[in-house]
N, C-alpha and C. Protein backbone atom coordinates (compact mmCIF):
# COMPACT_ATOMS: atom_id res chain seq x y z
N GLU A 1 50.27 -64.03 -216.17
CA GLU A 1 49.97 -64.45 -214.81
C GLU A 1 51.21 -65.08 -214.16
N SER A 2 51.93 -65.93 -214.90
CA SER A 2 53.14 -66.56 -214.34
C SER A 2 54.22 -65.53 -214.06
N VAL A 3 54.40 -64.59 -214.97
CA VAL A 3 55.40 -63.53 -214.76
C VAL A 3 55.03 -62.71 -213.54
N ALA A 4 53.80 -62.41 -213.38
CA ALA A 4 53.34 -61.64 -212.22
C ALA A 4 53.63 -62.38 -210.92
N ARG A 5 53.40 -63.68 -210.92
CA ARG A 5 53.68 -64.49 -209.72
C ARG A 5 55.17 -64.49 -209.40
N VAL A 6 56.01 -64.60 -210.44
CA VAL A 6 57.46 -64.58 -210.21
C VAL A 6 57.89 -63.23 -209.66
N ARG A 7 57.40 -62.16 -210.26
CA ARG A 7 57.78 -60.81 -209.80
C ARG A 7 57.31 -60.54 -208.37
N ALA A 8 56.26 -61.16 -207.95
CA ALA A 8 55.75 -60.95 -206.60
C ALA A 8 56.52 -61.75 -205.54
N HIS A 9 57.29 -62.72 -205.98
CA HIS A 9 58.03 -63.56 -205.03
C HIS A 9 59.18 -62.78 -204.40
N GLN A 10 59.46 -63.05 -203.10
CA GLN A 10 60.48 -62.31 -202.37
C GLN A 10 61.90 -62.52 -202.92
N LEU A 11 62.16 -63.62 -203.62
CA LEU A 11 63.49 -63.85 -204.17
C LEU A 11 63.72 -63.16 -205.52
N TYR A 12 62.67 -62.60 -206.09
CA TYR A 12 62.78 -62.02 -207.42
C TYR A 12 63.90 -60.98 -207.51
N ARG A 13 63.94 -60.04 -206.57
CA ARG A 13 64.97 -58.99 -206.62
C ARG A 13 66.36 -59.56 -206.37
N ALA A 14 66.46 -60.59 -205.57
CA ALA A 14 67.77 -61.15 -205.23
C ALA A 14 68.41 -61.92 -206.39
N ILE A 15 67.59 -62.58 -207.20
CA ILE A 15 68.18 -63.43 -208.24
C ILE A 15 67.92 -62.95 -209.67
N ARG A 16 67.29 -61.80 -209.81
CA ARG A 16 67.03 -61.31 -211.17
C ARG A 16 68.34 -60.86 -211.82
N CYS A 17 68.33 -60.85 -213.10
CA CYS A 17 69.49 -60.41 -213.87
C CYS A 17 69.49 -58.89 -213.91
N ASP A 18 70.55 -58.28 -213.39
CA ASP A 18 70.65 -56.82 -213.45
C ASP A 18 71.48 -56.42 -214.67
N LYS A 19 71.69 -55.12 -214.83
CA LYS A 19 72.42 -54.63 -216.00
C LYS A 19 73.84 -55.18 -216.05
N LEU A 20 74.52 -55.21 -214.92
CA LEU A 20 75.89 -55.71 -214.90
C LEU A 20 75.95 -57.18 -215.31
N GLY A 21 75.03 -57.98 -214.80
CA GLY A 21 74.98 -59.39 -215.19
C GLY A 21 74.76 -59.58 -216.67
N LEU A 22 73.87 -58.77 -217.23
CA LEU A 22 73.60 -58.85 -218.67
C LEU A 22 74.82 -58.41 -219.49
N ILE A 23 75.53 -57.40 -219.02
CA ILE A 23 76.74 -56.92 -219.71
C ILE A 23 77.80 -58.02 -219.72
N VAL A 24 77.99 -58.68 -218.59
CA VAL A 24 78.98 -59.76 -218.49
C VAL A 24 78.60 -60.92 -219.40
N MET A 25 77.33 -61.29 -219.40
CA MET A 25 76.88 -62.38 -220.29
C MET A 25 77.09 -62.01 -221.75
N GLU A 26 76.78 -60.77 -222.11
CA GLU A 26 76.96 -60.35 -223.50
C GLU A 26 78.44 -60.41 -223.89
N ALA A 27 79.33 -59.91 -223.02
CA ALA A 27 80.76 -59.93 -223.32
C ALA A 27 81.26 -61.37 -223.47
N THR A 28 80.79 -62.26 -222.63
CA THR A 28 81.20 -63.67 -222.72
C THR A 28 80.71 -64.29 -224.03
N LEU A 29 79.47 -64.05 -224.37
CA LEU A 29 78.94 -64.60 -225.62
C LEU A 29 79.64 -64.01 -226.84
N ARG A 30 79.98 -62.72 -226.81
CA ARG A 30 80.71 -62.11 -227.92
C ARG A 30 82.09 -62.74 -228.06
N LEU A 31 82.70 -63.07 -226.95
CA LEU A 31 84.01 -63.71 -226.97
C LEU A 31 83.95 -65.03 -227.73
N PHE A 32 82.88 -65.77 -227.58
CA PHE A 32 82.75 -67.05 -228.26
C PHE A 32 82.56 -66.90 -229.78
N LEU A 33 82.24 -65.69 -230.23
CA LEU A 33 82.13 -65.45 -231.67
C LEU A 33 83.51 -65.29 -232.33
N ASP A 34 84.53 -64.98 -231.54
CA ASP A 34 85.89 -64.78 -232.05
C ASP A 34 86.69 -66.06 -231.80
N GLU A 35 86.57 -67.01 -232.71
CA GLU A 35 87.15 -68.35 -232.52
C GLU A 35 88.68 -68.33 -232.42
N GLU A 36 89.33 -67.37 -233.06
CA GLU A 36 90.79 -67.32 -233.00
C GLU A 36 91.28 -66.80 -231.65
N ARG A 37 90.59 -65.83 -231.10
CA ARG A 37 91.01 -65.23 -229.83
C ARG A 37 90.55 -66.04 -228.62
N LEU A 38 89.49 -66.79 -228.78
CA LEU A 38 88.88 -67.51 -227.66
C LEU A 38 89.87 -68.36 -226.87
N PRO A 39 90.69 -69.21 -227.50
CA PRO A 39 91.62 -70.02 -226.70
C PRO A 39 92.67 -69.19 -225.95
N GLU A 40 92.96 -68.01 -226.42
CA GLU A 40 93.94 -67.15 -225.74
C GLU A 40 93.41 -66.63 -224.41
N VAL A 41 92.12 -66.37 -224.34
CA VAL A 41 91.56 -65.70 -223.17
C VAL A 41 90.65 -66.56 -222.31
N HIS A 42 90.23 -67.70 -222.82
CA HIS A 42 89.31 -68.56 -222.07
C HIS A 42 90.06 -69.82 -221.65
N PRO A 43 90.35 -69.98 -220.35
CA PRO A 43 91.20 -71.10 -219.91
C PRO A 43 90.66 -72.49 -220.24
N THR A 44 89.35 -72.67 -220.15
CA THR A 44 88.80 -73.99 -220.45
C THR A 44 88.95 -74.33 -221.93
N VAL A 45 88.63 -73.38 -222.77
CA VAL A 45 88.78 -73.61 -224.21
C VAL A 45 90.24 -73.81 -224.56
N ARG A 46 91.14 -73.03 -223.94
CA ARG A 46 92.58 -73.19 -224.18
C ARG A 46 93.01 -74.62 -223.84
N GLY A 47 92.56 -75.13 -222.72
CA GLY A 47 92.93 -76.48 -222.33
C GLY A 47 92.37 -77.53 -223.27
N LEU A 48 91.12 -77.38 -223.65
CA LEU A 48 90.51 -78.36 -224.55
C LEU A 48 91.13 -78.33 -225.95
N ALA A 49 91.61 -77.16 -226.37
CA ALA A 49 92.18 -77.01 -227.71
C ALA A 49 93.67 -77.32 -227.78
N ALA A 50 94.30 -77.54 -226.64
CA ALA A 50 95.76 -77.76 -226.61
C ALA A 50 96.14 -79.00 -227.42
N LYS A 51 97.21 -78.88 -228.17
CA LYS A 51 97.72 -79.97 -229.00
C LYS A 51 98.77 -80.76 -228.24
N VAL A 52 98.83 -82.06 -228.50
CA VAL A 52 99.76 -82.95 -227.79
C VAL A 52 101.21 -82.47 -227.89
N PRO A 53 101.71 -82.05 -229.06
CA PRO A 53 103.10 -81.58 -229.11
C PRO A 53 103.36 -80.39 -228.18
N ASP A 54 102.39 -79.49 -228.06
CA ASP A 54 102.54 -78.35 -227.15
C ASP A 54 102.53 -78.81 -225.69
N LEU A 55 101.68 -79.78 -225.39
CA LEU A 55 101.64 -80.33 -224.03
C LEU A 55 102.96 -81.01 -223.70
N GLU A 56 103.54 -81.68 -224.67
CA GLU A 56 104.81 -82.37 -224.45
C GLU A 56 105.92 -81.36 -224.13
N VAL A 57 105.94 -80.24 -224.82
CA VAL A 57 106.93 -79.20 -224.55
C VAL A 57 106.78 -78.70 -223.12
N ARG A 58 105.54 -78.43 -222.71
CA ARG A 58 105.29 -77.95 -221.34
C ARG A 58 105.68 -78.99 -220.30
N ALA A 59 105.33 -80.25 -220.57
CA ALA A 59 105.64 -81.32 -219.62
C ALA A 59 107.15 -81.49 -219.47
N LYS A 60 107.87 -81.46 -220.57
CA LYS A 60 109.33 -81.61 -220.50
C LYS A 60 109.97 -80.44 -219.74
N ALA A 61 109.47 -79.24 -219.96
CA ALA A 61 110.00 -78.07 -219.25
C ALA A 61 109.74 -78.19 -217.75
N LEU A 62 108.53 -78.63 -217.38
CA LEU A 62 108.20 -78.80 -215.96
C LEU A 62 109.03 -79.92 -215.35
N ALA A 63 109.18 -81.03 -216.05
CA ALA A 63 109.97 -82.14 -215.52
C ALA A 63 111.42 -81.72 -215.32
N THR A 64 111.96 -80.96 -216.26
CA THR A 64 113.34 -80.47 -216.14
C THR A 64 113.47 -79.58 -214.91
N ARG A 65 112.49 -78.74 -214.70
CA ARG A 65 112.51 -77.85 -213.54
C ARG A 65 112.43 -78.65 -212.23
N LEU A 66 111.54 -79.64 -212.19
CA LEU A 66 111.39 -80.45 -210.98
C LEU A 66 112.63 -81.31 -210.73
N ALA A 67 113.34 -81.66 -211.78
CA ALA A 67 114.54 -82.49 -211.63
C ALA A 67 115.63 -81.79 -210.83
N THR A 68 115.55 -80.48 -210.66
CA THR A 68 116.55 -79.73 -209.89
C THR A 68 116.26 -79.76 -208.39
N LEU A 69 115.09 -80.26 -207.99
CA LEU A 69 114.73 -80.28 -206.57
C LEU A 69 115.52 -81.35 -205.83
N ASP A 70 115.83 -81.09 -204.58
CA ASP A 70 116.60 -82.04 -203.76
C ASP A 70 115.92 -83.40 -203.67
N CYS A 71 114.58 -83.41 -203.52
CA CYS A 71 113.86 -84.67 -203.36
C CYS A 71 113.94 -85.53 -204.62
N VAL A 72 114.21 -84.92 -205.75
CA VAL A 72 114.38 -85.67 -207.00
C VAL A 72 115.84 -86.07 -207.16
N LYS A 73 116.73 -85.12 -206.88
CA LYS A 73 118.16 -85.41 -207.02
C LYS A 73 118.62 -86.51 -206.08
N ASP A 74 118.03 -86.57 -204.87
CA ASP A 74 118.45 -87.61 -203.93
C ASP A 74 117.68 -88.92 -204.10
N GLY A 75 116.79 -88.98 -205.09
CA GLY A 75 116.13 -90.24 -205.43
C GLY A 75 114.86 -90.55 -204.66
N ARG A 76 114.36 -89.62 -203.83
CA ARG A 76 113.12 -89.90 -203.11
C ARG A 76 111.91 -89.87 -204.03
N ILE A 77 112.00 -89.09 -205.09
CA ILE A 77 110.91 -89.01 -206.07
C ILE A 77 111.52 -89.08 -207.47
N ASP A 78 110.99 -90.00 -208.28
CA ASP A 78 111.40 -90.09 -209.68
C ASP A 78 110.44 -89.23 -210.50
N VAL A 79 110.96 -88.54 -211.49
CA VAL A 79 110.16 -87.67 -212.36
C VAL A 79 110.28 -88.17 -213.78
N ALA A 80 109.14 -88.27 -214.47
CA ALA A 80 109.15 -88.70 -215.87
C ALA A 80 108.05 -87.97 -216.63
N VAL A 81 108.22 -87.88 -217.93
CA VAL A 81 107.19 -87.34 -218.82
C VAL A 81 106.55 -88.54 -219.51
N GLU A 82 105.23 -88.64 -219.42
CA GLU A 82 104.53 -89.78 -219.99
C GLU A 82 103.22 -89.35 -220.63
N ASP A 83 102.73 -90.18 -221.54
CA ASP A 83 101.40 -89.96 -222.10
C ASP A 83 100.37 -90.22 -221.02
N VAL A 84 99.36 -89.37 -220.96
CA VAL A 84 98.27 -89.53 -220.00
C VAL A 84 96.95 -89.30 -220.72
N ASP A 85 95.88 -89.82 -220.16
CA ASP A 85 94.55 -89.51 -220.65
C ASP A 85 94.02 -88.34 -219.83
N ASP A 86 93.63 -87.28 -220.51
CA ASP A 86 93.03 -86.14 -219.84
C ASP A 86 91.52 -86.26 -219.93
N THR A 87 90.84 -86.07 -218.81
CA THR A 87 89.39 -86.15 -218.76
C THR A 87 88.80 -84.80 -219.11
N VAL A 88 87.82 -84.79 -219.97
CA VAL A 88 87.19 -83.54 -220.39
C VAL A 88 86.34 -82.97 -219.27
N GLY A 89 85.51 -83.77 -218.65
CA GLY A 89 84.67 -83.25 -217.58
C GLY A 89 84.03 -84.37 -216.79
N ALA A 90 83.87 -84.15 -215.51
CA ALA A 90 83.31 -85.18 -214.66
C ALA A 90 81.79 -85.25 -214.79
N GLY A 91 81.12 -84.11 -214.66
CA GLY A 91 79.66 -84.13 -214.67
C GLY A 91 79.06 -84.18 -216.05
N SER A 92 79.56 -83.34 -216.95
CA SER A 92 78.93 -83.24 -218.26
C SER A 92 79.45 -84.25 -219.27
N LEU A 93 80.73 -84.57 -219.22
CA LEU A 93 81.33 -85.50 -220.18
C LEU A 93 82.27 -86.47 -219.46
N PRO A 94 81.75 -87.31 -218.57
CA PRO A 94 82.61 -88.13 -217.72
C PRO A 94 83.42 -89.20 -218.46
N THR A 95 82.99 -89.58 -219.64
CA THR A 95 83.69 -90.66 -220.34
C THR A 95 84.55 -90.17 -221.50
N VAL A 96 84.55 -88.87 -221.75
CA VAL A 96 85.33 -88.34 -222.88
C VAL A 96 86.76 -88.09 -222.43
N LYS A 97 87.71 -88.69 -223.14
CA LYS A 97 89.13 -88.54 -222.81
C LYS A 97 89.84 -87.87 -223.98
N LEU A 98 90.85 -87.08 -223.67
CA LEU A 98 91.71 -86.48 -224.67
C LEU A 98 93.12 -87.03 -224.47
N PRO A 99 93.84 -87.29 -225.54
CA PRO A 99 95.22 -87.71 -225.37
C PRO A 99 96.02 -86.54 -224.82
N GLY A 100 96.84 -86.82 -223.83
CA GLY A 100 97.62 -85.76 -223.21
C GLY A 100 99.01 -86.23 -222.84
N VAL A 101 99.77 -85.31 -222.29
CA VAL A 101 101.12 -85.60 -221.80
C VAL A 101 101.20 -84.97 -220.41
N GLY A 102 101.81 -85.69 -219.48
CA GLY A 102 101.91 -85.17 -218.13
C GLY A 102 103.25 -85.48 -217.50
N VAL A 103 103.46 -84.90 -216.36
CA VAL A 103 104.64 -85.18 -215.55
C VAL A 103 104.20 -86.17 -214.48
N VAL A 104 104.92 -87.26 -214.38
CA VAL A 104 104.57 -88.33 -213.45
C VAL A 104 105.61 -88.36 -212.34
N LEU A 105 105.13 -88.32 -211.09
CA LEU A 105 106.00 -88.38 -209.91
C LEU A 105 105.81 -89.74 -209.25
N ARG A 106 106.91 -90.46 -209.08
CA ARG A 106 106.86 -91.76 -208.41
C ARG A 106 107.69 -91.68 -207.13
N PRO A 107 107.00 -91.52 -206.00
CA PRO A 107 107.72 -91.45 -204.73
C PRO A 107 108.24 -92.83 -204.32
N ARG A 108 109.41 -92.86 -203.73
CA ARG A 108 109.99 -94.14 -203.32
C ARG A 108 109.73 -94.45 -201.86
N ASP A 109 109.57 -93.42 -201.03
CA ASP A 109 109.46 -93.68 -199.59
C ASP A 109 108.06 -93.43 -199.02
N LEU A 110 107.07 -93.22 -199.88
CA LEU A 110 105.69 -93.11 -199.43
C LEU A 110 104.76 -93.45 -200.58
N GLU A 111 103.50 -93.66 -200.25
CA GLU A 111 102.52 -94.04 -201.27
C GLU A 111 102.17 -92.84 -202.15
N GLY A 112 101.80 -93.13 -203.39
CA GLY A 112 101.40 -92.07 -204.31
C GLY A 112 100.23 -91.26 -203.77
N GLY A 113 99.26 -91.94 -203.15
CA GLY A 113 98.11 -91.24 -202.58
C GLY A 113 98.51 -90.27 -201.49
N GLU A 114 99.51 -90.62 -200.70
CA GLU A 114 99.99 -89.73 -199.65
C GLU A 114 100.69 -88.51 -200.24
N LEU A 115 101.48 -88.72 -201.28
CA LEU A 115 102.11 -87.57 -201.95
C LEU A 115 101.05 -86.65 -202.53
N ALA A 116 100.02 -87.22 -203.15
CA ALA A 116 98.93 -86.42 -203.72
C ALA A 116 98.21 -85.64 -202.61
N ARG A 117 97.99 -86.28 -201.46
CA ARG A 117 97.33 -85.59 -200.33
C ARG A 117 98.18 -84.41 -199.86
N ARG A 118 99.48 -84.63 -199.74
CA ARG A 118 100.38 -83.55 -199.31
C ARG A 118 100.40 -82.40 -200.32
N LEU A 119 100.34 -82.73 -201.60
CA LEU A 119 100.30 -81.69 -202.62
C LEU A 119 99.00 -80.89 -202.52
N ARG A 120 97.90 -81.58 -202.27
CA ARG A 120 96.58 -80.91 -202.16
C ARG A 120 96.47 -80.03 -200.94
N THR A 121 97.12 -80.42 -199.86
CA THR A 121 96.95 -79.72 -198.59
C THR A 121 98.08 -78.76 -198.27
N GLY A 122 98.96 -78.53 -199.23
CA GLY A 122 100.06 -77.59 -199.03
C GLY A 122 99.60 -76.15 -199.05
N PRO A 123 100.54 -75.22 -198.88
CA PRO A 123 100.20 -73.79 -198.87
C PRO A 123 99.45 -73.35 -200.14
N THR A 124 99.86 -73.85 -201.29
CA THR A 124 99.11 -73.63 -202.53
C THR A 124 98.73 -75.02 -203.03
N PRO A 125 97.45 -75.38 -202.95
CA PRO A 125 97.03 -76.74 -203.34
C PRO A 125 97.38 -77.07 -204.79
N VAL A 126 97.92 -78.27 -204.98
CA VAL A 126 98.22 -78.80 -206.31
C VAL A 126 97.38 -80.06 -206.47
N PHE A 127 96.47 -80.04 -207.42
CA PHE A 127 95.58 -81.17 -207.64
C PHE A 127 96.13 -82.07 -208.73
N THR A 128 96.09 -83.36 -208.46
CA THR A 128 96.70 -84.36 -209.33
C THR A 128 95.75 -85.54 -209.48
N THR A 129 96.18 -86.52 -210.24
CA THR A 129 95.54 -87.83 -210.23
C THR A 129 96.58 -88.84 -209.81
N VAL A 130 96.12 -89.96 -209.29
CA VAL A 130 97.02 -91.03 -208.86
C VAL A 130 96.62 -92.30 -209.58
N ARG A 131 97.61 -92.96 -210.14
CA ARG A 131 97.37 -94.24 -210.81
C ARG A 131 98.61 -95.09 -210.64
N GLU A 132 98.40 -96.31 -210.17
CA GLU A 132 99.50 -97.26 -209.96
C GLU A 132 100.61 -96.64 -209.10
N GLN A 133 100.20 -96.00 -208.01
CA GLN A 133 101.10 -95.39 -207.03
C GLN A 133 101.93 -94.23 -207.60
N ALA A 134 101.56 -93.73 -208.77
CA ALA A 134 102.26 -92.60 -209.37
C ALA A 134 101.32 -91.40 -209.41
N VAL A 135 101.87 -90.25 -209.11
CA VAL A 135 101.11 -89.00 -209.11
C VAL A 135 101.28 -88.35 -210.47
N ARG A 136 100.17 -88.01 -211.08
CA ARG A 136 100.21 -87.43 -212.42
C ARG A 136 99.81 -85.96 -212.39
N LEU A 137 100.67 -85.13 -212.95
CA LEU A 137 100.40 -83.71 -213.12
C LEU A 137 100.00 -83.51 -214.59
N HIS A 138 98.77 -83.17 -214.80
CA HIS A 138 98.25 -83.01 -216.16
C HIS A 138 98.52 -81.58 -216.63
N VAL A 139 99.45 -81.41 -217.54
CA VAL A 139 99.83 -80.05 -217.95
C VAL A 139 98.74 -79.36 -218.74
N ARG A 140 97.80 -80.08 -219.29
CA ARG A 140 96.68 -79.47 -220.02
C ARG A 140 95.91 -78.51 -219.11
N THR A 141 95.84 -78.80 -217.84
CA THR A 141 95.05 -77.98 -216.91
C THR A 141 95.84 -76.85 -216.27
N LEU A 142 97.12 -76.76 -216.56
CA LEU A 142 97.93 -75.70 -215.95
C LEU A 142 97.68 -74.36 -216.62
N GLN A 143 97.66 -73.34 -215.79
CA GLN A 143 97.56 -71.98 -216.29
C GLN A 143 98.97 -71.40 -216.41
N PRO A 144 99.12 -70.33 -217.16
CA PRO A 144 100.45 -69.71 -217.26
C PRO A 144 101.00 -69.39 -215.87
N ASP A 145 102.25 -69.72 -215.67
CA ASP A 145 102.98 -69.47 -214.42
C ASP A 145 102.59 -70.39 -213.26
N ASP A 146 101.82 -71.45 -213.50
CA ASP A 146 101.51 -72.41 -212.44
C ASP A 146 102.74 -73.21 -212.04
N GLU A 147 103.75 -73.25 -212.88
CA GLU A 147 104.94 -74.05 -212.58
C GLU A 147 105.60 -73.65 -211.27
N ASN A 148 105.57 -72.35 -210.93
CA ASN A 148 106.14 -71.90 -209.66
C ASN A 148 105.43 -72.56 -208.49
N ASP A 149 104.10 -72.59 -208.55
CA ASP A 149 103.31 -73.19 -207.47
C ASP A 149 103.53 -74.70 -207.40
N ILE A 150 103.68 -75.34 -208.54
CA ILE A 150 103.92 -76.79 -208.54
C ILE A 150 105.27 -77.10 -207.93
N GLU A 151 106.28 -76.34 -208.32
CA GLU A 151 107.61 -76.55 -207.74
C GLU A 151 107.57 -76.38 -206.22
N ALA A 152 106.95 -75.32 -205.75
CA ALA A 152 106.83 -75.08 -204.30
C ALA A 152 106.03 -76.19 -203.64
N GLY A 153 104.98 -76.67 -204.31
CA GLY A 153 104.14 -77.73 -203.76
C GLY A 153 104.90 -79.04 -203.63
N VAL A 154 105.70 -79.38 -204.63
CA VAL A 154 106.48 -80.64 -204.56
C VAL A 154 107.52 -80.53 -203.45
N LYS A 155 108.19 -79.37 -203.35
CA LYS A 155 109.16 -79.16 -202.25
C LYS A 155 108.49 -79.38 -200.90
N HIS A 156 107.32 -78.75 -200.72
CA HIS A 156 106.59 -78.86 -199.46
C HIS A 156 106.16 -80.30 -199.19
N ALA A 157 105.61 -80.95 -200.21
CA ALA A 157 105.11 -82.32 -200.04
C ALA A 157 106.25 -83.29 -199.70
N ALA A 158 107.41 -83.09 -200.29
CA ALA A 158 108.54 -83.97 -200.03
C ALA A 158 109.12 -83.78 -198.64
N SER A 159 108.94 -82.58 -198.09
CA SER A 159 109.51 -82.30 -196.77
C SER A 159 108.52 -82.49 -195.64
N ALA A 160 107.24 -82.67 -195.97
CA ALA A 160 106.19 -82.79 -194.92
C ALA A 160 106.28 -84.11 -194.20
C-alpha cells in the first residue's frame, strides 16, 4: 500500500533512481572496495589520508612559489609554512581535527580578513581560514594543479 502511494505521487518519476543513477552508485561503491586505489581517485579520501610529511612538502613548494611574487618580495605580504589544524567536516564532524601543514600569509598593509575576502572574490575563488590576522592556505584541501590558481589569486588580491 505504501509503495503504491509513492508510485502514484507526481514526484515519483522526477526523483526515482534510474539506470544511470544506479550505475553511478554501483561504480562509486565498487571504488570503495579498492582501498589502495581509493585515495588516488577520490579527492576527499585523498585529503583525509594525506600524511603530514607529504603536506609539508606541498606547503614548502607552494610557499617557495609564492615567494617569487612582487607582493611578497616587496614585503607587503609575509609567507611562511606552519603547522595548522585541518578540520575534517563542518556538519558531520565539526570537532574532529587533523594535524596539518599550511602556507600562512600575513599581510602588512591590510587586515587578514580583507585579504581572505579578496582571495574569495577574485577571478578564481581561493578559500582560506583566518586566524590572528593571518590567512591560512590548507594544502590538505588542494587538488593537483591548484597552485596556479592560488598564485593568480594572491597576485589579484594583492593588487585589488
